[in-house]
N, C-alpha and C. Protein backbone atom coordinates (compact mmCIF):
# COMPACT_ATOMS: atom_id res chain seq x y z
N THR A 1 -108.33 -30.26 -3.60
CA THR A 1 -109.63 -29.90 -3.65
C THR A 1 -110.32 -31.01 -3.14
N LEU A 2 -111.92 -30.51 -2.19
CA LEU A 2 -112.20 -32.10 -1.65
C LEU A 2 -112.95 -32.68 -2.77
N VAL A 3 -113.22 -32.87 -3.76
CA VAL A 3 -113.36 -33.19 -4.99
C VAL A 3 -112.47 -33.92 -5.38
N GLU A 4 -111.03 -33.66 -5.52
CA GLU A 4 -110.06 -34.60 -6.11
C GLU A 4 -109.52 -35.05 -4.76
N MET A 5 -109.91 -34.88 -3.21
CA MET A 5 -109.24 -35.63 -2.60
C MET A 5 -110.40 -37.05 -2.69
N ALA A 6 -111.80 -36.90 -3.32
CA ALA A 6 -112.51 -38.17 -2.76
C ALA A 6 -112.45 -38.76 -3.81
N VAL A 7 -112.51 -38.42 -4.98
CA VAL A 7 -112.26 -39.19 -6.16
C VAL A 7 -110.96 -40.03 -6.46
N ARG A 8 -110.29 -39.18 -6.02
CA ARG A 8 -108.55 -40.17 -5.59
C ARG A 8 -108.73 -41.47 -4.92
N GLY A 9 -108.92 -40.55 -3.22
CA GLY A 9 -109.13 -41.57 -2.40
C GLY A 9 -109.64 -42.44 -2.13
N GLY A 10 -110.69 -42.30 -3.12
CA GLY A 10 -111.87 -43.50 -3.13
C GLY A 10 -113.29 -43.51 -2.19
N LYS A 11 -112.60 -42.51 -1.42
CA LYS A 11 -113.92 -42.03 -0.19
C LYS A 11 -114.24 -40.74 -0.12
N GLY A 12 -115.64 -40.79 0.26
CA GLY A 12 -116.43 -39.50 0.08
C GLY A 12 -116.29 -39.24 1.46
N ALA A 13 -117.10 -38.20 1.75
CA ALA A 13 -116.97 -37.92 3.35
C ALA A 13 -118.10 -36.52 3.51
N THR A 14 -118.65 -36.34 4.56
CA THR A 14 -119.73 -35.34 4.97
C THR A 14 -118.61 -34.38 5.72
N VAL A 15 -119.15 -33.21 4.65
CA VAL A 15 -118.71 -31.81 5.32
C VAL A 15 -119.32 -30.58 5.51
N VAL A 16 -119.23 -29.57 6.32
CA VAL A 16 -120.30 -28.49 6.53
C VAL A 16 -119.36 -27.24 5.83
N VAL A 17 -120.29 -26.41 4.87
CA VAL A 17 -119.32 -25.21 4.64
C VAL A 17 -119.65 -23.97 5.70
N PRO A 18 -117.91 -23.55 6.06
CA PRO A 18 -118.33 -22.70 7.00
C PRO A 18 -119.34 -21.41 6.63
N ALA A 19 -119.26 -21.10 7.36
CA ALA A 19 -120.34 -19.19 7.23
C ALA A 19 -119.52 -18.47 6.64
N GLY A 20 -119.58 -17.67 5.55
CA GLY A 20 -118.87 -17.03 5.07
C GLY A 20 -117.74 -17.47 3.83
N THR A 21 -118.10 -18.80 3.46
CA THR A 21 -117.37 -19.31 2.45
C THR A 21 -118.16 -19.95 1.08
N ASP A 22 -117.77 -19.71 0.00
CA ASP A 22 -118.20 -19.94 -0.97
C ASP A 22 -118.11 -21.73 -1.17
N PRO A 23 -119.24 -22.15 -1.49
CA PRO A 23 -118.95 -23.66 -1.36
C PRO A 23 -118.55 -24.12 -2.77
N PHE A 24 -118.36 -23.09 -3.97
CA PHE A 24 -117.74 -23.74 -5.16
C PHE A 24 -116.26 -23.90 -4.79
N VAL A 25 -115.78 -22.28 -4.23
CA VAL A 25 -114.12 -22.36 -3.69
C VAL A 25 -114.02 -23.41 -2.80
N LEU A 26 -114.72 -24.00 -1.62
CA LEU A 26 -114.45 -25.19 -0.86
C LEU A 26 -114.38 -26.21 -1.73
N LEU A 27 -115.01 -26.44 -2.51
CA LEU A 27 -114.96 -27.92 -3.12
C LEU A 27 -114.01 -27.92 -4.33
N LEU A 28 -113.65 -26.87 -5.08
CA LEU A 28 -113.25 -26.80 -6.20
C LEU A 28 -111.49 -26.25 -6.64
N SER A 29 -111.66 -25.21 -5.58
CA SER A 29 -110.50 -23.94 -6.39
C SER A 29 -109.76 -24.64 -5.14
N GLU A 30 -108.56 -24.30 -6.14
CA GLU A 30 -107.39 -24.60 -5.68
C GLU A 30 -106.25 -23.31 -4.96
N SER A 31 -105.60 -23.45 -4.16
CA SER A 31 -104.84 -22.05 -3.88
C SER A 31 -103.68 -22.42 -3.04
N THR A 32 -102.72 -21.16 -3.21
CA THR A 32 -101.10 -22.10 -2.44
C THR A 32 -101.66 -21.76 -0.69
N ALA A 33 -102.66 -20.76 -0.82
CA ALA A 33 -102.50 -19.85 0.40
C ALA A 33 -103.62 -21.52 1.79
N ARG A 34 -104.28 -22.23 0.95
CA ARG A 34 -105.04 -23.50 1.73
C ARG A 34 -104.21 -24.90 1.36
N ALA A 35 -105.15 -25.95 2.37
CA ALA A 35 -104.21 -27.28 2.25
C ALA A 35 -105.69 -28.08 3.27
N VAL A 36 -105.99 -29.15 2.08
CA VAL A 36 -106.90 -30.17 2.78
C VAL A 36 -105.93 -31.27 3.47
N VAL A 37 -106.23 -31.31 4.86
CA VAL A 37 -105.77 -32.44 5.64
C VAL A 37 -106.36 -33.55 6.21
N THR A 38 -106.13 -34.53 6.10
CA THR A 38 -106.96 -35.65 6.62
C THR A 38 -106.00 -36.21 7.38
N VAL A 39 -106.46 -36.50 9.09
CA VAL A 39 -105.85 -36.97 10.12
C VAL A 39 -107.01 -38.32 10.61
N ALA A 40 -106.79 -39.22 11.47
CA ALA A 40 -107.41 -39.62 12.01
C ALA A 40 -107.92 -39.10 13.29
N GLU A 41 -109.11 -39.39 13.75
CA GLU A 41 -109.94 -38.95 14.81
C GLU A 41 -109.28 -38.45 16.05
N ALA A 42 -108.49 -39.70 16.44
CA ALA A 42 -107.13 -39.61 17.55
C ALA A 42 -106.46 -38.47 17.33
N ASP A 43 -106.13 -38.06 16.24
CA ASP A 43 -104.94 -37.29 16.15
C ASP A 43 -105.27 -35.48 15.27
N VAL A 44 -106.83 -35.43 15.79
CA VAL A 44 -107.59 -34.09 15.45
C VAL A 44 -106.16 -33.29 16.34
N ALA A 45 -106.42 -33.52 17.83
CA ALA A 45 -105.78 -32.26 18.74
C ALA A 45 -104.68 -32.21 18.41
N ALA A 46 -103.76 -33.22 18.03
CA ALA A 46 -102.34 -32.74 18.06
C ALA A 46 -102.03 -31.95 16.75
N LEU A 47 -102.91 -32.11 15.78
CA LEU A 47 -102.82 -31.24 14.09
C LEU A 47 -102.98 -30.16 14.70
N GLU A 48 -104.05 -29.71 15.26
CA GLU A 48 -104.68 -28.48 15.96
C GLU A 48 -103.27 -27.72 16.53
N SER A 49 -103.08 -28.55 17.35
CA SER A 49 -102.17 -28.14 18.17
C SER A 49 -101.29 -27.72 17.47
N LEU A 50 -100.50 -27.95 16.22
CA LEU A 50 -99.24 -27.96 15.84
C LEU A 50 -99.20 -26.47 14.76
N ALA A 51 -100.57 -26.58 14.21
CA ALA A 51 -101.05 -25.77 13.28
C ALA A 51 -101.13 -24.23 14.59
N ALA A 52 -101.56 -24.42 15.66
CA ALA A 52 -101.57 -23.12 16.73
C ALA A 52 -100.24 -22.97 17.15
N GLU A 53 -99.33 -23.72 16.87
CA GLU A 53 -97.72 -23.49 17.34
C GLU A 53 -97.09 -22.80 16.72
N HIS A 54 -97.58 -22.97 15.04
CA HIS A 54 -97.08 -22.53 14.12
C HIS A 54 -97.90 -21.02 13.43
N GLY A 55 -99.13 -20.90 14.34
CA GLY A 55 -100.06 -19.68 13.57
C GLY A 55 -100.67 -19.97 12.36
N VAL A 56 -100.77 -21.21 12.24
CA VAL A 56 -101.75 -21.68 11.19
C VAL A 56 -103.01 -21.81 11.53
N PRO A 57 -103.73 -20.80 10.83
CA PRO A 57 -105.69 -21.14 11.20
C PRO A 57 -106.15 -22.78 10.62
N VAL A 58 -106.95 -23.10 11.45
CA VAL A 58 -107.20 -24.79 11.24
C VAL A 58 -108.73 -24.78 10.97
N ALA A 59 -109.42 -25.49 10.06
CA ALA A 59 -110.91 -25.21 10.96
C ALA A 59 -111.49 -26.54 10.07
N ARG A 60 -112.02 -27.38 11.07
CA ARG A 60 -112.71 -28.58 10.99
C ARG A 60 -113.58 -28.65 10.40
N LEU A 61 -113.74 -29.00 8.58
CA LEU A 61 -114.89 -29.13 7.68
C LEU A 61 -115.53 -30.54 7.96
N GLY A 62 -115.25 -31.49 8.59
CA GLY A 62 -116.37 -32.80 8.02
C GLY A 62 -115.49 -33.97 8.97
N VAL A 63 -115.84 -35.17 8.25
CA VAL A 63 -115.36 -36.46 8.68
C VAL A 63 -115.19 -37.29 7.15
N VAL A 64 -114.18 -38.09 7.24
CA VAL A 64 -114.07 -38.79 5.94
C VAL A 64 -114.71 -40.00 6.11
N GLY A 65 -115.48 -40.68 5.00
CA GLY A 65 -116.34 -41.67 5.08
C GLY A 65 -115.95 -42.78 4.60
N ALA A 66 -116.39 -43.91 4.45
CA ALA A 66 -115.77 -45.23 4.26
C ALA A 66 -115.65 -45.09 2.70
N ALA A 67 -115.04 -46.21 2.26
CA ALA A 67 -114.97 -46.87 0.98
C ALA A 67 -116.06 -46.98 -0.08
N GLY A 68 -115.97 -45.38 -0.61
CA GLY A 68 -117.28 -45.76 -1.88
C GLY A 68 -118.16 -44.75 -1.40
N SER A 69 -118.18 -44.42 0.12
CA SER A 69 -118.98 -43.11 0.45
C SER A 69 -119.22 -41.90 -0.55
N ASP A 70 -120.40 -41.77 -0.76
CA ASP A 70 -121.02 -40.46 -1.36
C ASP A 70 -119.99 -38.97 -0.30
N LEU A 71 -119.87 -38.25 -1.58
CA LEU A 71 -119.66 -36.88 -0.88
C LEU A 71 -120.84 -35.80 -0.87
N VAL A 72 -121.06 -35.47 0.87
CA VAL A 72 -122.05 -34.86 1.14
C VAL A 72 -121.96 -33.61 1.92
N VAL A 73 -122.34 -32.62 1.22
CA VAL A 73 -121.68 -31.43 1.75
C VAL A 73 -123.08 -30.11 2.33
N GLU A 74 -123.15 -30.11 2.88
CA GLU A 74 -124.28 -29.22 4.05
C GLU A 74 -123.91 -27.66 4.21
N GLY A 75 -124.76 -27.25 3.62
CA GLY A 75 -124.39 -25.64 3.36
C GLY A 75 -124.45 -25.20 2.12
N VAL A 76 -124.59 -25.84 1.28
CA VAL A 76 -124.76 -25.39 -0.21
C VAL A 76 -125.83 -24.44 -0.69
N TYR A 77 -125.64 -23.06 -0.19
CA TYR A 77 -126.51 -22.01 -0.73
C TYR A 77 -127.83 -22.41 0.37
N GLY A 78 -128.06 -23.17 1.01
CA GLY A 78 -128.68 -23.28 2.32
C GLY A 78 -129.36 -24.50 1.95
N GLY A 79 -129.00 -25.53 1.44
CA GLY A 79 -129.27 -26.46 1.15
C GLY A 79 -127.85 -27.48 1.82
N THR A 80 -128.21 -29.05 1.09
CA THR A 80 -127.40 -29.81 0.97
C THR A 80 -127.11 -30.28 -0.10
N ALA A 81 -125.88 -31.00 -0.58
CA ALA A 81 -125.93 -31.33 -1.78
C ALA A 81 -124.88 -32.67 -1.29
N SER A 82 -125.43 -33.76 -2.16
CA SER A 82 -124.53 -35.47 -2.62
C SER A 82 -124.31 -35.53 -3.83
N TRP A 83 -123.10 -36.03 -4.07
CA TRP A 83 -122.85 -36.82 -4.99
C TRP A 83 -122.11 -38.21 -4.89
N THR A 84 -122.48 -39.09 -5.90
CA THR A 84 -121.50 -40.70 -5.30
C THR A 84 -120.46 -39.99 -6.17
N LEU A 85 -119.34 -40.94 -5.80
CA LEU A 85 -118.03 -40.85 -6.43
C LEU A 85 -118.28 -41.02 -7.79
N GLU A 86 -118.80 -41.75 -7.98
CA GLU A 86 -119.19 -42.38 -9.84
C GLU A 86 -119.23 -40.86 -10.66
N GLU A 87 -120.19 -40.31 -9.87
CA GLU A 87 -120.68 -38.69 -10.55
C GLU A 87 -119.41 -38.12 -10.78
N LEU A 88 -118.98 -37.75 -9.41
CA LEU A 88 -117.39 -36.94 -9.52
C LEU A 88 -116.49 -37.25 -10.54
N ARG A 89 -116.38 -38.50 -10.40
CA ARG A 89 -115.51 -38.84 -10.87
C ARG A 89 -115.31 -38.85 -12.92
N ALA A 90 -117.03 -39.37 -13.08
CA ALA A 90 -117.21 -39.03 -14.73
C ALA A 90 -117.19 -37.29 -14.80
N THR A 91 -117.86 -36.98 -14.46
CA THR A 91 -117.61 -35.25 -14.53
C THR A 91 -116.22 -34.89 -14.84
N ALA A 92 -115.30 -35.10 -13.49
CA ALA A 92 -114.14 -34.66 -14.00
C ALA A 92 -113.35 -35.56 -15.04
N ASP A 93 -113.29 -36.59 -14.86
CA ASP A 93 -112.85 -37.73 -16.63
C ASP A 93 -113.14 -36.66 -18.02
N ALA A 94 -114.38 -36.12 -17.75
CA ALA A 94 -114.96 -35.55 -19.01
C ALA A 94 -114.76 -34.15 -19.37
N THR A 95 -114.02 -33.41 -18.17
CA THR A 95 -114.24 -31.84 -18.29
C THR A 95 -113.23 -31.37 -19.15
N LEU A 96 -111.59 -31.76 -19.63
CA LEU A 96 -110.75 -31.25 -20.22
C LEU A 96 -111.05 -31.90 -21.89
N PRO A 97 -111.46 -32.94 -21.81
CA PRO A 97 -111.94 -33.89 -23.30
C PRO A 97 -113.18 -32.65 -24.14
N ALA A 98 -114.30 -32.48 -23.19
CA ALA A 98 -115.54 -31.41 -23.65
C ALA A 98 -114.79 -30.13 -23.79
N LEU A 99 -113.76 -29.52 -22.91
CA LEU A 99 -113.61 -28.09 -23.38
C LEU A 99 -112.27 -28.24 -24.93
N PHE A 100 -111.33 -29.48 -24.81
CA PHE A 100 -110.61 -29.18 -25.75
C PHE A 100 -111.19 -29.82 -27.17
N ALA A 101 -112.05 -30.45 -27.31
CA ALA A 101 -112.54 -31.23 -28.18
C ALA A 101 -113.03 -30.38 -29.23
């Protein structure tokens, strides 16, 4: 998920929720039918070409930020949401202990 990638990678991103996509699903849902891939700007065209060659749909969601940057998501129920990596990490680390305490 985008949240996991940001927390584990230590880098935020600026992304736009595609029209018709549930922001919750984009940010947190895992599925065997989807993958989030990051590539250098210079490699975007090659990735898109490879995906097209294999009949795999691809959508550009945004841009990865610098180390320690926030995760900013535009198009969240009509607005923009932003979280620091520390907020995301604290929430992720607290979820399972809170559920099983």
